[in-house]
Amino acid sequence: MSSVLTVNIAHPRTNPDTLKKPTGIDKRPTDTAVEVRPPGPMRGGLGSGLVGDLVSEQKHHGGDDQAVYAYAREDLDAWESELDRQIGNGAFGENLTTAGIDVTNAVVGERWRVGDGGLVLEVTRPRTPCRTFSSWLEIDNWIKRFTDRGVPGAYLRIITPGVVRAGDSIEILERPGHDVTIALVFRAMMKDPSLLPSLLVADALPEPLKDKARRRAHA
């Protein structure tokens, strides 16, 4: 059964990259139920979709299309083996550490019902690595390694607000008929821009990515 292993909330700390404004990348499991609601626009909104969480840098992070970040425990385990170090739930800055669901091969527009608190989420786009992520993990060439592996996890938007807690089930309610997966979008964004036009069949793709794909298609 697919499930939420842990729900992870930010413990604000000084950004290890800039040593200035705080960052919310240090996320740790919580034992309490967490309210999940649309955070509004990326710039000027609430940042995270999880009440009590923090998205500090809102130029590229947070907002309705990136309200919740999910990463699979199975993929964290693979990184543990490769890096020969322990990686706890939340260490990648993910809000939901999942089990039993292939997050990176989820289809854009796929909808998940999470638990029995009414929450419905929709897969939107992959996470892309940033300098804060690299500085936080203190791994040489981390951005390149993360990009080359191509297992970015997925951002989700909130279709129906609700609550989430550790142990909640994840049920795929519906899946579009196209083949635009999170892995494909990540490859198009980070490695092979010639793939961008093929993403346009995914109606649920965030508008900024659609615009980029349209420009590539008409270039």
N, C-alpha and C. Protein backbone atom coordinates (compact mmCIF):
# COMPACT_ATOMS: atom_id res chain seq x y z
N MET A 1 0.83 -1.20 0.00
CA MET A 1 0.00 0.00 0.00
C MET A 1 0.87 1.26 0.00
N SER A 2 0.50 2.23 -0.80
CA SER A 2 1.23 3.49 -0.83
C SER A 2 0.82 4.34 0.36
N SER A 3 1.80 5.02 0.95
CA SER A 3 1.49 5.76 2.17
C SER A 3 2.47 6.91 2.38
N VAL A 4 2.08 7.78 3.30
CA VAL A 4 2.95 8.84 3.80
C VAL A 4 3.70 8.30 5.01
N LEU A 5 5.00 8.17 4.90
CA LEU A 5 5.79 7.69 6.04
C LEU A 5 5.87 8.78 7.11
N THR A 6 6.24 9.98 6.67
CA THR A 6 6.33 11.10 7.60
C THR A 6 5.88 12.38 6.92
N VAL A 7 5.36 13.29 7.73
CA VAL A 7 5.08 14.66 7.31
C VAL A 7 6.16 15.53 7.92
N ASN A 8 6.83 16.32 7.09
CA ASN A 8 8.02 17.03 7.53
C ASN A 8 7.82 18.55 7.46
N ILE A 9 8.12 19.21 8.56
CA ILE A 9 7.91 20.65 8.70
C ILE A 9 9.25 21.33 8.94
N ALA A 10 9.40 22.54 8.42
CA ALA A 10 10.67 23.27 8.51
C ALA A 10 11.02 23.66 9.94
N HIS A 11 12.30 23.53 10.22
CA HIS A 11 12.90 24.13 11.40
C HIS A 11 13.80 25.26 10.87
N PRO A 12 13.33 26.49 10.89
CA PRO A 12 14.08 27.59 10.26
C PRO A 12 15.49 27.71 10.81
N ARG A 13 16.41 27.98 9.89
CA ARG A 13 17.81 28.13 10.26
C ARG A 13 18.45 29.08 9.26
N THR A 14 19.61 29.60 9.59
CA THR A 14 20.33 30.47 8.66
C THR A 14 20.66 29.71 7.39
N ASN A 15 20.42 30.34 6.25
CA ASN A 15 20.70 29.69 4.98
C ASN A 15 22.20 29.37 4.88
N PRO A 16 22.55 28.09 4.70
CA PRO A 16 23.98 27.73 4.66
C PRO A 16 24.70 28.23 3.42
N ASP A 17 23.95 28.67 2.41
CA ASP A 17 24.57 29.20 1.20
C ASP A 17 24.88 30.68 1.34
N THR A 18 23.89 31.47 1.76
CA THR A 18 24.06 32.92 1.83
C THR A 18 24.49 33.41 3.21
N LEU A 19 24.24 32.59 4.24
CA LEU A 19 24.50 32.96 5.63
C LEU A 19 23.74 34.23 6.02
N LYS A 20 22.60 34.44 5.37
CA LYS A 20 21.80 35.63 5.66
C LYS A 20 20.39 35.21 6.07
N LYS A 21 19.43 35.36 5.17
CA LYS A 21 18.03 35.11 5.53
C LYS A 21 17.82 33.64 5.88
N PRO A 22 16.81 33.34 6.68
CA PRO A 22 16.57 31.95 7.07
C PRO A 22 16.10 31.11 5.90
N THR A 23 16.24 29.81 6.05
CA THR A 23 15.77 28.86 5.05
C THR A 23 14.90 27.82 5.74
N GLY A 24 13.98 27.23 4.99
CA GLY A 24 13.14 26.17 5.52
C GLY A 24 13.52 24.80 5.02
N ILE A 25 14.72 24.65 4.46
CA ILE A 25 15.11 23.36 3.88
C ILE A 25 15.31 22.28 4.94
N ASP A 26 15.58 22.68 6.17
CA ASP A 26 15.75 21.71 7.26
C ASP A 26 14.36 21.29 7.75
N LYS A 27 13.84 20.23 7.15
CA LYS A 27 12.50 19.75 7.50
C LYS A 27 12.61 18.45 8.30
N ARG A 28 11.79 18.38 9.34
CA ARG A 28 11.85 17.22 10.23
C ARG A 28 10.45 16.67 10.47
N PRO A 29 10.37 15.35 10.69
CA PRO A 29 9.06 14.73 10.89
C PRO A 29 8.32 15.29 12.10
N THR A 30 7.01 15.42 11.94
CA THR A 30 6.14 15.81 13.04
C THR A 30 5.14 14.71 13.31
N ASP A 31 4.76 14.57 14.57
CA ASP A 31 3.80 13.54 14.95
C ASP A 31 2.36 14.03 14.88
N THR A 32 2.17 15.30 14.64
CA THR A 32 0.82 15.87 14.67
C THR A 32 0.23 15.94 13.26
N ALA A 33 -1.09 16.01 13.19
CA ALA A 33 -1.77 16.24 11.92
C ALA A 33 -1.50 17.67 11.48
N VAL A 34 -1.32 17.86 10.17
CA VAL A 34 -0.97 19.17 9.62
C VAL A 34 -2.04 19.60 8.63
N GLU A 35 -2.51 20.82 8.78
CA GLU A 35 -3.47 21.37 7.83
C GLU A 35 -2.77 21.70 6.52
N VAL A 36 -3.42 21.39 5.41
CA VAL A 36 -2.87 21.65 4.08
C VAL A 36 -3.89 22.46 3.30
N ARG A 37 -3.44 23.64 2.79
CA ARG A 37 -4.33 24.53 2.05
C ARG A 37 -3.53 25.24 0.97
N PRO A 38 -4.18 25.72 -0.10
CA PRO A 38 -3.45 26.43 -1.15
C PRO A 38 -2.76 27.67 -0.58
N PRO A 39 -1.46 27.85 -0.88
CA PRO A 39 -0.73 28.98 -0.31
C PRO A 39 -0.85 30.27 -1.09
N GLY A 40 -1.49 30.22 -2.29
CA GLY A 40 -1.57 31.42 -3.09
C GLY A 40 -0.38 31.56 -4.03
N PRO A 41 -0.17 32.76 -4.57
CA PRO A 41 0.90 32.95 -5.56
C PRO A 41 2.28 32.73 -4.99
N MET A 42 3.22 32.42 -5.88
CA MET A 42 4.59 32.18 -5.45
C MET A 42 5.15 33.41 -4.73
N ARG A 43 4.96 34.56 -5.33
CA ARG A 43 5.48 35.79 -4.74
C ARG A 43 4.34 36.52 -4.04
N GLY A 44 4.47 36.67 -2.75
CA GLY A 44 3.46 37.37 -1.98
C GLY A 44 2.44 36.47 -1.32
N GLY A 45 2.51 35.15 -1.57
CA GLY A 45 1.60 34.22 -0.94
C GLY A 45 2.16 33.69 0.37
N LEU A 46 1.60 32.57 0.81
CA LEU A 46 2.00 31.98 2.09
C LEU A 46 3.21 31.07 1.97
N GLY A 47 3.64 30.80 0.74
CA GLY A 47 4.82 29.95 0.54
C GLY A 47 4.44 28.49 0.46
N SER A 48 4.47 27.81 1.58
CA SER A 48 4.19 26.39 1.64
C SER A 48 2.69 26.12 1.74
N GLY A 49 2.27 24.95 1.27
CA GLY A 49 0.89 24.53 1.43
C GLY A 49 0.60 23.95 2.80
N LEU A 50 1.64 23.68 3.58
CA LEU A 50 1.46 23.10 4.91
C LEU A 50 1.52 24.19 5.97
N VAL A 51 0.49 24.28 6.77
CA VAL A 51 0.47 25.26 7.85
C VAL A 51 1.60 24.95 8.83
N GLY A 52 2.40 25.98 9.15
CA GLY A 52 3.53 25.80 10.05
C GLY A 52 4.84 25.55 9.36
N ASP A 53 4.81 25.33 8.05
CA ASP A 53 6.03 25.14 7.27
C ASP A 53 6.56 26.50 6.82
N LEU A 54 7.78 26.53 6.29
CA LEU A 54 8.39 27.78 5.84
C LEU A 54 8.97 27.62 4.44
N VAL A 55 8.62 28.54 3.55
CA VAL A 55 9.32 28.74 2.29
C VAL A 55 9.82 30.17 2.34
N SER A 56 11.12 30.32 2.48
CA SER A 56 11.70 31.65 2.67
C SER A 56 11.94 32.37 1.35
N GLU A 57 12.56 31.68 0.41
CA GLU A 57 12.90 32.29 -0.88
C GLU A 57 11.75 32.03 -1.84
N GLN A 58 10.91 33.05 -2.03
CA GLN A 58 9.68 32.87 -2.80
C GLN A 58 9.80 33.37 -4.24
N LYS A 59 11.00 33.61 -4.70
CA LYS A 59 11.18 33.95 -6.11
C LYS A 59 11.04 32.72 -6.98
N HIS A 60 11.54 31.58 -6.48
CA HIS A 60 11.51 30.35 -7.26
C HIS A 60 10.83 29.19 -6.52
N HIS A 61 10.43 29.39 -5.28
CA HIS A 61 9.90 28.30 -4.47
C HIS A 61 8.52 28.64 -3.94
N GLY A 62 7.77 27.60 -3.62
CA GLY A 62 6.46 27.77 -3.02
C GLY A 62 5.40 28.18 -4.02
N GLY A 63 4.24 28.57 -3.50
CA GLY A 63 3.12 28.95 -4.35
C GLY A 63 2.25 27.76 -4.68
N ASP A 64 1.11 28.04 -5.29
CA ASP A 64 0.11 27.00 -5.53
C ASP A 64 0.63 25.81 -6.33
N ASP A 65 1.49 26.06 -7.32
CA ASP A 65 1.98 24.96 -8.17
C ASP A 65 3.09 24.16 -7.51
N GLN A 66 3.63 24.66 -6.42
CA GLN A 66 4.69 23.98 -5.68
C GLN A 66 4.34 23.97 -4.19
N ALA A 67 3.08 23.66 -3.91
CA ALA A 67 2.58 23.78 -2.55
C ALA A 67 3.10 22.70 -1.62
N VAL A 68 3.31 21.51 -2.16
CA VAL A 68 3.74 20.35 -1.39
C VAL A 68 4.83 19.63 -2.19
N TYR A 69 5.90 19.23 -1.50
CA TYR A 69 6.98 18.50 -2.16
C TYR A 69 7.04 17.09 -1.59
N ALA A 70 7.01 16.10 -2.47
CA ALA A 70 7.05 14.70 -2.05
C ALA A 70 8.30 14.01 -2.61
N TYR A 71 8.89 13.17 -1.77
CA TYR A 71 10.05 12.39 -2.20
C TYR A 71 9.90 10.99 -1.62
N ALA A 72 10.26 9.99 -2.42
CA ALA A 72 10.06 8.59 -2.03
C ALA A 72 11.19 8.10 -1.12
N ARG A 73 10.81 7.39 -0.06
CA ARG A 73 11.80 6.81 0.83
C ARG A 73 12.69 5.82 0.07
N GLU A 74 12.14 5.14 -0.90
CA GLU A 74 12.93 4.20 -1.69
C GLU A 74 14.08 4.91 -2.41
N ASP A 75 13.82 6.14 -2.87
CA ASP A 75 14.87 6.90 -3.55
C ASP A 75 15.88 7.45 -2.55
N LEU A 76 15.41 7.83 -1.37
CA LEU A 76 16.36 8.23 -0.33
C LEU A 76 17.27 7.07 0.06
N ASP A 77 16.71 5.86 0.11
CA ASP A 77 17.53 4.68 0.43
C ASP A 77 18.61 4.46 -0.62
N ALA A 78 18.25 4.67 -1.90
CA ALA A 78 19.25 4.52 -2.97
C ALA A 78 20.36 5.55 -2.81
N TRP A 79 19.99 6.77 -2.45
CA TRP A 79 21.01 7.79 -2.22
C TRP A 79 21.89 7.43 -1.01
N GLU A 80 21.27 6.87 0.03
CA GLU A 80 22.06 6.44 1.18
C GLU A 80 23.15 5.46 0.76
N SER A 81 22.80 4.51 -0.08
CA SER A 81 23.78 3.51 -0.53
C SER A 81 24.87 4.16 -1.37
N GLU A 82 24.46 5.06 -2.27
CA GLU A 82 25.45 5.69 -3.15
C GLU A 82 26.38 6.62 -2.39
N LEU A 83 25.82 7.36 -1.44
CA LEU A 83 26.62 8.37 -0.73
C LEU A 83 27.28 7.83 0.53
N ASP A 84 26.87 6.63 0.94
CA ASP A 84 27.40 6.01 2.16
C ASP A 84 27.22 6.93 3.36
N ARG A 85 25.98 7.43 3.50
CA ARG A 85 25.66 8.27 4.66
C ARG A 85 24.17 8.14 4.94
N GLN A 86 23.79 8.37 6.17
CA GLN A 86 22.39 8.28 6.54
C GLN A 86 21.64 9.51 6.04
N ILE A 87 20.46 9.28 5.49
CA ILE A 87 19.60 10.38 5.02
C ILE A 87 18.24 10.18 5.66
N GLY A 88 17.92 11.04 6.59
CA GLY A 88 16.66 10.93 7.29
C GLY A 88 15.49 11.47 6.48
N ASN A 89 14.29 11.09 6.87
CA ASN A 89 13.10 11.64 6.24
C ASN A 89 13.08 13.16 6.42
N GLY A 90 12.83 13.87 5.33
CA GLY A 90 12.83 15.33 5.35
C GLY A 90 14.15 15.96 4.98
N ALA A 91 15.21 15.15 4.88
CA ALA A 91 16.55 15.70 4.64
C ALA A 91 16.69 16.36 3.28
N PHE A 92 15.85 15.98 2.32
CA PHE A 92 15.89 16.62 1.01
C PHE A 92 14.95 17.83 0.94
N GLY A 93 14.42 18.21 2.09
CA GLY A 93 13.49 19.34 2.13
C GLY A 93 12.09 18.97 1.73
N GLU A 94 11.80 17.67 1.70
CA GLU A 94 10.46 17.24 1.28
C GLU A 94 9.46 17.35 2.42
N ASN A 95 8.24 17.72 2.07
CA ASN A 95 7.15 17.77 3.04
C ASN A 95 6.60 16.39 3.35
N LEU A 96 6.50 15.55 2.31
CA LEU A 96 5.99 14.20 2.47
C LEU A 96 7.06 13.20 2.05
N THR A 97 7.46 12.35 2.96
CA THR A 97 8.30 11.22 2.61
C THR A 97 7.36 10.04 2.41
N THR A 98 7.36 9.48 1.20
CA THR A 98 6.37 8.48 0.83
C THR A 98 6.98 7.08 0.77
N ALA A 99 6.10 6.09 0.74
CA ALA A 99 6.50 4.69 0.53
C ALA A 99 5.50 4.04 -0.40
N GLY A 100 6.02 3.23 -1.32
CA GLY A 100 5.15 2.43 -2.17
C GLY A 100 4.57 3.14 -3.37
N ILE A 101 5.03 4.34 -3.67
CA ILE A 101 4.55 5.06 -4.85
C ILE A 101 5.76 5.63 -5.59
N ASP A 102 5.78 5.46 -6.90
CA ASP A 102 6.91 5.89 -7.72
C ASP A 102 6.73 7.38 -8.04
N VAL A 103 7.23 8.21 -7.16
CA VAL A 103 6.98 9.66 -7.25
C VAL A 103 7.56 10.23 -8.54
N THR A 104 8.79 9.89 -8.87
CA THR A 104 9.44 10.50 -10.02
C THR A 104 8.81 10.07 -11.34
N ASN A 105 8.17 8.92 -11.37
CA ASN A 105 7.49 8.49 -12.59
C ASN A 105 5.99 8.73 -12.54
N ALA A 106 5.56 9.55 -11.59
CA ALA A 106 4.16 9.98 -11.58
C ALA A 106 3.90 10.84 -12.82
N VAL A 107 2.67 10.80 -13.30
CA VAL A 107 2.27 11.56 -14.49
C VAL A 107 1.79 12.94 -14.06
N VAL A 108 2.22 13.96 -14.79
CA VAL A 108 1.76 15.32 -14.50
C VAL A 108 0.23 15.36 -14.66
N GLY A 109 -0.45 15.85 -13.62
CA GLY A 109 -1.90 15.85 -13.60
C GLY A 109 -2.51 14.70 -12.84
N GLU A 110 -1.68 13.73 -12.45
CA GLU A 110 -2.13 12.62 -11.62
C GLU A 110 -2.62 13.16 -10.27
N ARG A 111 -3.75 12.64 -9.79
CA ARG A 111 -4.30 13.12 -8.53
C ARG A 111 -4.24 12.05 -7.46
N TRP A 112 -3.82 12.48 -6.26
CA TRP A 112 -3.69 11.58 -5.12
C TRP A 112 -4.69 11.98 -4.03
N ARG A 113 -5.42 11.01 -3.51
CA ARG A 113 -6.17 11.23 -2.28
C ARG A 113 -5.28 10.75 -1.13
N VAL A 114 -5.07 11.62 -0.17
CA VAL A 114 -4.15 11.33 0.92
C VAL A 114 -4.93 11.24 2.23
N GLY A 115 -4.92 10.06 2.84
CA GLY A 115 -5.59 9.87 4.11
C GLY A 115 -7.10 10.00 4.03
N ASP A 116 -7.70 10.22 5.19
CA ASP A 116 -9.16 10.35 5.27
C ASP A 116 -9.58 11.74 5.70
N GLY A 117 -8.66 12.70 5.56
CA GLY A 117 -8.96 14.07 5.96
C GLY A 117 -9.39 14.96 4.83
N GLY A 118 -9.75 14.35 3.69
CA GLY A 118 -10.27 15.13 2.57
C GLY A 118 -9.24 15.64 1.59
N LEU A 119 -7.97 15.43 1.86
CA LEU A 119 -6.91 16.04 1.06
C LEU A 119 -6.76 15.36 -0.30
N VAL A 120 -6.79 16.17 -1.36
CA VAL A 120 -6.51 15.70 -2.71
C VAL A 120 -5.42 16.59 -3.31
N LEU A 121 -4.36 15.97 -3.83
CA LEU A 121 -3.22 16.67 -4.40
C LEU A 121 -3.08 16.30 -5.87
N GLU A 122 -2.46 17.20 -6.65
CA GLU A 122 -2.24 16.97 -8.07
C GLU A 122 -0.76 17.18 -8.41
N VAL A 123 -0.17 16.21 -9.08
CA VAL A 123 1.24 16.27 -9.48
C VAL A 123 1.43 17.36 -10.53
N THR A 124 2.43 18.23 -10.33
CA THR A 124 2.61 19.37 -11.23
C THR A 124 3.95 19.41 -11.95
N ARG A 125 5.05 19.22 -11.23
CA ARG A 125 6.37 19.42 -11.84
C ARG A 125 7.45 18.85 -10.91
N PRO A 126 8.67 18.68 -11.43
CA PRO A 126 9.76 18.20 -10.58
C PRO A 126 10.41 19.33 -9.78
N ARG A 127 11.08 18.93 -8.76
CA ARG A 127 11.97 19.85 -8.04
C ARG A 127 13.27 19.97 -8.83
N THR A 128 13.85 21.16 -8.86
CA THR A 128 15.17 21.34 -9.46
C THR A 128 16.14 21.74 -8.36
N PRO A 129 17.38 21.27 -8.43
CA PRO A 129 18.33 21.52 -7.35
C PRO A 129 18.83 22.96 -7.35
N CYS A 130 19.07 23.49 -6.16
CA CYS A 130 19.57 24.86 -6.02
C CYS A 130 20.79 24.87 -5.10
N ARG A 131 21.40 26.03 -4.98
CA ARG A 131 22.62 26.15 -4.17
C ARG A 131 22.33 25.92 -2.69
N THR A 132 21.17 26.32 -2.23
CA THR A 132 20.83 26.08 -0.82
C THR A 132 20.78 24.58 -0.54
N PHE A 133 20.17 23.82 -1.44
CA PHE A 133 20.09 22.36 -1.32
C PHE A 133 21.49 21.77 -1.26
N SER A 134 22.37 22.23 -2.14
CA SER A 134 23.74 21.73 -2.18
C SER A 134 24.49 22.08 -0.89
N SER A 135 24.37 23.32 -0.45
CA SER A 135 25.08 23.76 0.76
C SER A 135 24.56 23.03 1.99
N TRP A 136 23.26 22.77 2.01
CA TRP A 136 22.65 22.09 3.15
C TRP A 136 23.21 20.67 3.30
N LEU A 137 23.36 19.94 2.19
CA LEU A 137 23.84 18.57 2.26
C LEU A 137 25.36 18.47 2.33
N GLU A 138 26.04 19.53 1.92
CA GLU A 138 27.52 19.57 1.96
C GLU A 138 28.13 18.40 1.18
N ILE A 139 27.64 18.23 -0.06
CA ILE A 139 28.14 17.17 -0.94
C ILE A 139 28.74 17.83 -2.18
N ASP A 140 29.98 17.48 -2.51
CA ASP A 140 30.64 18.06 -3.67
C ASP A 140 29.86 17.75 -4.95
N ASN A 141 29.74 18.75 -5.81
CA ASN A 141 29.08 18.60 -7.12
C ASN A 141 27.66 18.06 -6.99
N TRP A 142 26.98 18.44 -5.89
CA TRP A 142 25.67 17.86 -5.64
C TRP A 142 24.65 18.21 -6.73
N ILE A 143 24.66 19.44 -7.20
CA ILE A 143 23.68 19.82 -8.22
C ILE A 143 23.83 18.95 -9.46
N LYS A 144 25.07 18.71 -9.88
CA LYS A 144 25.30 17.85 -11.05
C LYS A 144 24.90 16.41 -10.75
N ARG A 145 25.26 15.92 -9.58
CA ARG A 145 24.94 14.53 -9.25
C ARG A 145 23.42 14.31 -9.19
N PHE A 146 22.73 15.25 -8.57
CA PHE A 146 21.28 15.15 -8.46
C PHE A 146 20.64 15.21 -9.85
N THR A 147 21.15 16.09 -10.69
CA THR A 147 20.63 16.24 -12.05
C THR A 147 20.89 14.98 -12.87
N ASP A 148 22.10 14.46 -12.79
CA ASP A 148 22.44 13.28 -13.57
C ASP A 148 21.62 12.06 -13.15
N ARG A 149 21.31 11.94 -11.88
CA ARG A 149 20.53 10.79 -11.41
C ARG A 149 19.10 10.87 -11.93
N GLY A 150 18.56 12.07 -12.02
CA GLY A 150 17.23 12.25 -12.61
C GLY A 150 16.09 11.71 -11.76
N VAL A 151 16.24 11.78 -10.45
CA VAL A 151 15.20 11.32 -9.53
C VAL A 151 14.84 12.50 -8.61
N PRO A 152 14.06 13.46 -9.13
CA PRO A 152 13.90 14.73 -8.42
C PRO A 152 12.77 14.78 -7.41
N GLY A 153 11.88 13.79 -7.40
CA GLY A 153 10.67 13.94 -6.60
C GLY A 153 9.71 14.92 -7.27
N ALA A 154 8.55 15.10 -6.67
CA ALA A 154 7.49 15.87 -7.34
C ALA A 154 6.89 16.94 -6.45
N TYR A 155 6.59 18.07 -7.07
CA TYR A 155 5.74 19.07 -6.44
C TYR A 155 4.29 18.76 -6.76
N LEU A 156 3.42 19.18 -5.84
CA LEU A 156 1.99 18.95 -6.00
C LEU A 156 1.22 20.21 -5.65
N ARG A 157 0.11 20.43 -6.36
CA ARG A 157 -0.81 21.50 -5.99
C ARG A 157 -1.98 20.91 -5.22
N ILE A 158 -2.68 21.74 -4.51
CA ILE A 158 -3.78 21.30 -3.65
C ILE A 158 -5.10 21.47 -4.39
N ILE A 159 -5.77 20.37 -4.67
CA ILE A 159 -7.07 20.40 -5.31
C ILE A 159 -8.18 20.55 -4.26
N THR A 160 -8.09 19.78 -3.20
CA THR A 160 -9.03 19.87 -2.10
C THR A 160 -8.24 19.96 -0.80
N PRO A 161 -8.39 21.05 -0.03
CA PRO A 161 -7.66 21.16 1.23
C PRO A 161 -8.06 20.05 2.20
N GLY A 162 -7.20 19.82 3.16
CA GLY A 162 -7.50 18.81 4.16
C GLY A 162 -6.39 18.76 5.19
N VAL A 163 -6.21 17.62 5.78
CA VAL A 163 -5.13 17.41 6.75
C VAL A 163 -4.34 16.18 6.34
N VAL A 164 -3.08 16.15 6.79
CA VAL A 164 -2.22 15.02 6.50
C VAL A 164 -1.46 14.66 7.76
N ARG A 165 -1.22 13.37 7.92
CA ARG A 165 -0.46 12.89 9.08
C ARG A 165 0.35 11.66 8.67
N ALA A 166 1.38 11.38 9.42
CA ALA A 166 2.18 10.19 9.16
C ALA A 166 1.30 8.95 9.19
N GLY A 167 1.51 8.06 8.22
CA GLY A 167 0.75 6.84 8.13
C GLY A 167 -0.44 6.91 7.20
N ASP A 168 -0.77 8.10 6.71
CA ASP A 168 -1.90 8.23 5.79
C ASP A 168 -1.66 7.42 4.52
N SER A 169 -2.72 6.85 4.00
CA SER A 169 -2.65 6.14 2.72
C SER A 169 -2.59 7.15 1.58
N ILE A 170 -2.04 6.72 0.45
CA ILE A 170 -2.05 7.51 -0.79
C ILE A 170 -2.74 6.66 -1.85
N GLU A 171 -3.82 7.21 -2.39
CA GLU A 171 -4.57 6.51 -3.43
C GLU A 171 -4.55 7.36 -4.70
N ILE A 172 -4.17 6.77 -5.82
CA ILE A 172 -4.21 7.49 -7.09
C ILE A 172 -5.65 7.49 -7.58
N LEU A 173 -6.26 8.67 -7.58
CA LEU A 173 -7.65 8.81 -7.97
C LEU A 173 -7.83 8.78 -9.48
N GLU A 174 -6.94 9.45 -10.17
CA GLU A 174 -7.02 9.50 -11.63
C GLU A 174 -5.64 9.81 -12.21
N ARG A 175 -5.46 9.41 -13.45
CA ARG A 175 -4.17 9.61 -14.12
C ARG A 175 -4.45 9.94 -15.58
N PRO A 176 -3.95 11.07 -16.07
CA PRO A 176 -4.16 11.44 -17.47
C PRO A 176 -3.59 10.40 -18.42
N GLY A 177 -4.08 10.43 -19.66
CA GLY A 177 -3.68 9.43 -20.65
C GLY A 177 -2.37 9.72 -21.34
N HIS A 178 -1.78 10.88 -21.12
CA HIS A 178 -0.49 11.20 -21.76
C HIS A 178 0.65 10.52 -21.01
N ASP A 179 1.88 10.65 -21.54
CA ASP A 179 3.03 10.00 -20.93
C ASP A 179 4.05 10.99 -20.41
N VAL A 180 3.60 12.18 -20.03
CA VAL A 180 4.50 13.19 -19.49
C VAL A 180 4.67 12.96 -17.99
N THR A 181 5.77 12.35 -17.64
CA THR A 181 6.07 12.05 -16.24
C THR A 181 6.95 13.14 -15.63
N ILE A 182 7.05 13.11 -14.33
CA ILE A 182 7.96 14.03 -13.64
C ILE A 182 9.38 13.83 -14.14
N ALA A 183 9.79 12.59 -14.37
CA ALA A 183 11.14 12.31 -14.87
C ALA A 183 11.36 12.95 -16.24
N LEU A 184 10.36 12.88 -17.12
CA LEU A 184 10.49 13.48 -18.45
C LEU A 184 10.58 15.00 -18.36
N VAL A 185 9.76 15.61 -17.52
CA VAL A 185 9.80 17.06 -17.37
C VAL A 185 11.17 17.50 -16.85
N PHE A 186 11.69 16.77 -15.88
CA PHE A 186 13.01 17.09 -15.33
C PHE A 186 14.09 17.00 -16.40
N ARG A 187 14.04 15.96 -17.20
CA ARG A 187 15.03 15.81 -18.26
C ARG A 187 14.93 16.96 -19.27
N ALA A 188 13.70 17.34 -19.61
CA ALA A 188 13.51 18.44 -20.55
C ALA A 188 14.01 19.76 -19.98
N MET A 189 13.81 19.98 -18.69
CA MET A 189 14.22 21.22 -18.05
C MET A 189 15.73 21.30 -17.86
N MET A 190 16.34 20.18 -17.51
CA MET A 190 17.72 20.19 -17.04
C MET A 190 18.75 19.64 -18.02
N LYS A 191 18.32 18.76 -18.95
CA LYS A 191 19.31 18.07 -19.78
C LYS A 191 19.05 18.18 -21.28
N ASP A 192 17.79 18.16 -21.70
CA ASP A 192 17.47 18.06 -23.12
C ASP A 192 16.28 18.95 -23.46
N PRO A 193 16.51 20.25 -23.69
CA PRO A 193 15.40 21.18 -23.96
C PRO A 193 14.63 20.87 -25.23
N SER A 194 15.20 20.02 -26.12
CA SER A 194 14.45 19.65 -27.32
C SER A 194 13.17 18.89 -26.96
N LEU A 195 13.10 18.37 -25.73
CA LEU A 195 11.92 17.64 -25.29
C LEU A 195 10.80 18.56 -24.80
N LEU A 196 11.09 19.83 -24.62
CA LEU A 196 10.09 20.72 -24.03
C LEU A 196 8.76 20.74 -24.77
N PRO A 197 8.73 20.83 -26.11
CA PRO A 197 7.42 20.86 -26.79
C PRO A 197 6.55 19.64 -26.49
N SER A 198 7.16 18.50 -26.22
CA SER A 198 6.38 17.29 -25.95
C SER A 198 5.62 17.37 -24.63
N LEU A 199 5.96 18.34 -23.80
CA LEU A 199 5.31 18.47 -22.50
C LEU A 199 3.94 19.14 -22.60
N LEU A 200 3.65 19.77 -23.72
CA LEU A 200 2.46 20.60 -23.83
C LEU A 200 1.15 19.80 -23.78
N VAL A 201 1.23 18.50 -23.94
CA VAL A 201 0.00 17.69 -23.83
C VAL A 201 -0.46 17.56 -22.38
N ALA A 202 0.39 17.97 -21.43
CA ALA A 202 0.06 17.87 -20.01
C ALA A 202 -0.62 19.16 -19.56
N ASP A 203 -1.94 19.16 -19.51
CA ASP A 203 -2.70 20.35 -19.16
C ASP A 203 -2.35 20.87 -17.76
N ALA A 204 -1.99 19.99 -16.85
CA ALA A 204 -1.74 20.38 -15.47
C ALA A 204 -0.36 20.98 -15.25
N LEU A 205 0.48 21.00 -16.29
CA LEU A 205 1.81 21.58 -16.15
C LEU A 205 1.67 23.07 -15.78
N PRO A 206 2.47 23.58 -14.85
CA PRO A 206 2.38 25.00 -14.49
C PRO A 206 2.59 25.91 -15.70
N GLU A 207 1.92 27.04 -15.71
CA GLU A 207 1.96 27.95 -16.85
C GLU A 207 3.37 28.41 -17.22
N PRO A 208 4.26 28.73 -16.26
CA PRO A 208 5.62 29.14 -16.67
C PRO A 208 6.34 28.07 -17.49
N LEU A 209 6.12 26.80 -17.16
CA LEU A 209 6.74 25.73 -17.94
C LEU A 209 6.07 25.57 -19.29
N LYS A 210 4.74 25.76 -19.34
CA LYS A 210 4.05 25.73 -20.62
C LYS A 210 4.57 26.84 -21.53
N ASP A 211 4.77 28.02 -20.98
CA ASP A 211 5.28 29.14 -21.78
C ASP A 211 6.66 28.82 -22.35
N LYS A 212 7.50 28.22 -21.50
CA LYS A 212 8.84 27.86 -21.96
C LYS A 212 8.76 26.81 -23.06
N ALA A 213 7.86 25.85 -22.92
CA ALA A 213 7.69 24.82 -23.94
C ALA A 213 7.15 25.40 -25.23
N ARG A 214 6.23 26.35 -25.14
CA ARG A 214 5.68 26.99 -26.34
C ARG A 214 6.76 27.77 -27.08
N ARG A 215 7.58 28.48 -26.35
CA ARG A 215 8.66 29.24 -27.00
C ARG A 215 9.62 28.31 -27.73
N ARG A 216 9.91 27.18 -27.11
CA ARG A 216 10.79 26.21 -27.76
C ARG A 216 10.13 25.63 -29.00
N ALA A 217 8.82 25.38 -28.91
CA ALA A 217 8.10 24.79 -30.05
C ALA A 217 8.06 25.73 -31.25
N HIS A 218 8.07 27.04 -31.00
CA HIS A 218 7.99 28.02 -32.07
C HIS A 218 9.34 28.63 -32.43
N ALA A 219 10.39 28.11 -31.83
CA ALA A 219 11.72 28.67 -32.11
C ALA A 219 12.16 28.32 -33.53
